[in-house]
Protein backbone atom coordinates (compact mmCIF):
# COMPACT_ATOMS: atom_id res chain seq x y z
CA UNK A 1 -23.45 -24.33 -6.12
CA UNK A 2 -23.32 -20.57 -5.57
CA UNK A 3 -20.28 -18.31 -5.09
CA UNK A 4 -20.58 -15.36 -2.73
CA UNK A 5 -18.01 -12.56 -3.23
CA UNK A 6 -17.21 -9.66 -0.88
CA UNK A 7 -14.45 -7.04 -1.25
CA UNK A 8 -12.71 -4.90 1.37
CA UNK A 9 -9.92 -2.42 0.60
CA UNK A 10 -6.99 -1.33 2.80
CA UNK A 11 -3.95 0.88 2.20
CA UNK A 12 -1.11 -0.85 0.36
CA UNK A 13 1.14 -0.43 3.41
CA UNK A 14 -1.24 -2.73 5.31
CA UNK A 15 -0.62 -5.49 2.77
CA UNK A 16 3.08 -5.85 3.56
CA UNK A 17 4.27 -9.04 5.22
CA UNK A 18 4.58 -8.55 8.96
CA UNK A 19 2.49 -5.39 8.87
CA UNK A 20 -1.07 -4.71 9.80
CA UNK A 21 -2.34 -6.66 6.79
CA UNK A 22 -1.23 -9.81 8.55
CA UNK A 23 -3.36 -8.60 11.45
CA UNK A 24 -6.24 -7.93 9.06
CA UNK A 25 -5.92 -11.40 7.54
CA UNK A 26 -5.92 -12.88 11.06
CA UNK A 27 -9.00 -10.76 11.83
CA UNK A 28 -10.71 -12.00 8.65
CA UNK A 29 -9.94 -15.57 9.68
CA UNK A 30 -11.38 -14.99 13.18
CA UNK A 31 -14.55 -13.34 11.88
CA UNK A 32 -15.92 -13.75 8.36
CA UNK A 33 -13.95 -16.87 7.39
CA UNK A 34 -14.62 -18.68 10.67
CA UNK A 35 -18.32 -17.80 10.63
CA UNK A 36 -18.81 -19.01 7.06
CA UNK A 37 -16.74 -22.18 7.40
CA UNK A 38 -18.77 -23.15 10.47
CA UNK A 39 -21.91 -23.47 8.35
CA UNK A 40 -22.77 -27.02 7.32
CA UNK A 41 -23.81 -25.93 3.83
CA UNK A 42 -20.63 -23.94 3.15
CA UNK A 43 -18.37 -25.63 0.57
CA UNK A 44 -15.23 -23.55 1.01
CA UNK A 45 -13.86 -20.10 1.76
CA UNK A 46 -10.97 -18.40 -0.03
CA UNK A 47 -9.27 -15.08 0.72
CA UNK A 48 -7.62 -13.38 -2.25
CA UNK A 49 -5.43 -10.29 -2.22
CA UNK A 50 -4.33 -7.84 -4.89
CA UNK A 51 -2.05 -4.85 -4.31
CA UNK A 52 -2.33 -2.07 -6.88
CA UNK A 53 -2.10 1.70 -6.95
CA UNK A 54 -1.42 2.20 -3.26
CA UNK A 55 -4.30 -0.02 -2.20
CA UNK A 56 -4.76 -3.66 -1.25
CA UNK A 57 -7.98 -5.43 -2.12
CA UNK A 58 -9.05 -8.41 -0.06
CA UNK A 59 -11.63 -10.59 -1.76
CA UNK A 60 -13.55 -13.12 0.30
CA UNK A 61 -14.91 -15.84 -1.97
CA UNK A 62 -17.15 -18.45 -0.38
CA UNK A 63 -18.90 -21.37 -2.00
CA UNK A 64 -22.35 -22.48 -0.90
CA UNK A 65 -24.52 -25.50 -1.57
CA UNK A 66 -27.44 -23.41 -2.80
CA UNK A 67 -29.10 -20.01 -2.84
CA UNK A 68 -31.25 -21.25 0.04
CA UNK A 69 -28.07 -21.92 2.06
CA UNK A 70 -26.99 -18.29 1.52
CA UNK A 71 -30.48 -17.11 2.42
CA UNK A 72 -30.23 -18.94 5.76
CA UNK A 73 -26.70 -17.65 6.42
CA UNK A 74 -27.63 -14.05 5.57
CA UNK A 75 -30.97 -14.18 7.42
CA UNK A 76 -32.84 -13.49 4.20
CA UNK A 77 -30.72 -10.54 3.05
CA UNK A 78 -28.95 -12.28 0.17
CA UNK A 79 -26.77 -9.42 -1.02
CA UNK A 80 -26.02 -7.68 2.29
CA UNK A 81 -22.67 -8.09 4.06
CA UNK A 82 -22.51 -7.77 7.83
CA UNK A 83 -20.24 -5.15 9.37
CA UNK A 84 -17.78 -6.32 12.01
CA UNK A 85 -16.49 -4.07 14.82
CA UNK A 86 -12.87 -3.64 13.65
CA UNK A 87 -13.69 -3.17 9.95
CA UNK A 88 -13.40 0.60 10.46
CA UNK A 89 -9.88 0.15 11.86
CA UNK A 90 -8.59 -1.66 8.77
CA UNK A 91 -10.66 -0.79 5.72
CA UNK A 92 -10.55 2.27 3.48
CA UNK A 93 -13.64 1.00 1.70
CA UNK A 94 -16.22 -1.43 2.95
CA UNK A 95 -18.46 -3.13 0.43
CA UNK A 96 -21.80 -3.47 2.21
CA UNK A 97 -23.05 -5.71 -0.58
CA UNK A 98 -21.92 -9.10 -1.80
CA UNK A 99 -22.14 -10.39 -5.34
CA UNK A 100 -23.59 -13.83 -5.98
CA UNK A 101 -22.63 -16.06 -8.90
CA UNK A 102 -23.98 -19.40 -9.99
CA UNK A 103 -21.06 -21.84 -10.30
CA UNK A 104 -21.27 -23.43 -13.75
CA UNK A 105 -17.99 -25.40 -13.87
CA UNK A 106 -16.21 -26.95 -10.92
CA UNK A 107 -13.43 -29.49 -10.31
């Protein structure tokens, strides 16, 4: 199994309950999360959040059956993350690359 990790950063104010971060999380669920979960070879998608120093980091962690599964999903560009239309409305920083990890221990 392979873990695929992407990070997007918003202002801390956008991470408050009931604020725009809730909109951003809903947007993530409608776009990246939905797209990845729809793939047959996807083994799970997690969204993590950390608020620190005036910023909120959103980490999208997805698990995949194999490197080949990621290759198919990413159309051969293993470490490139797609840009979605509203990213510019929410994100201070957009990580255009993903990091891939081999999963060594799992439940």
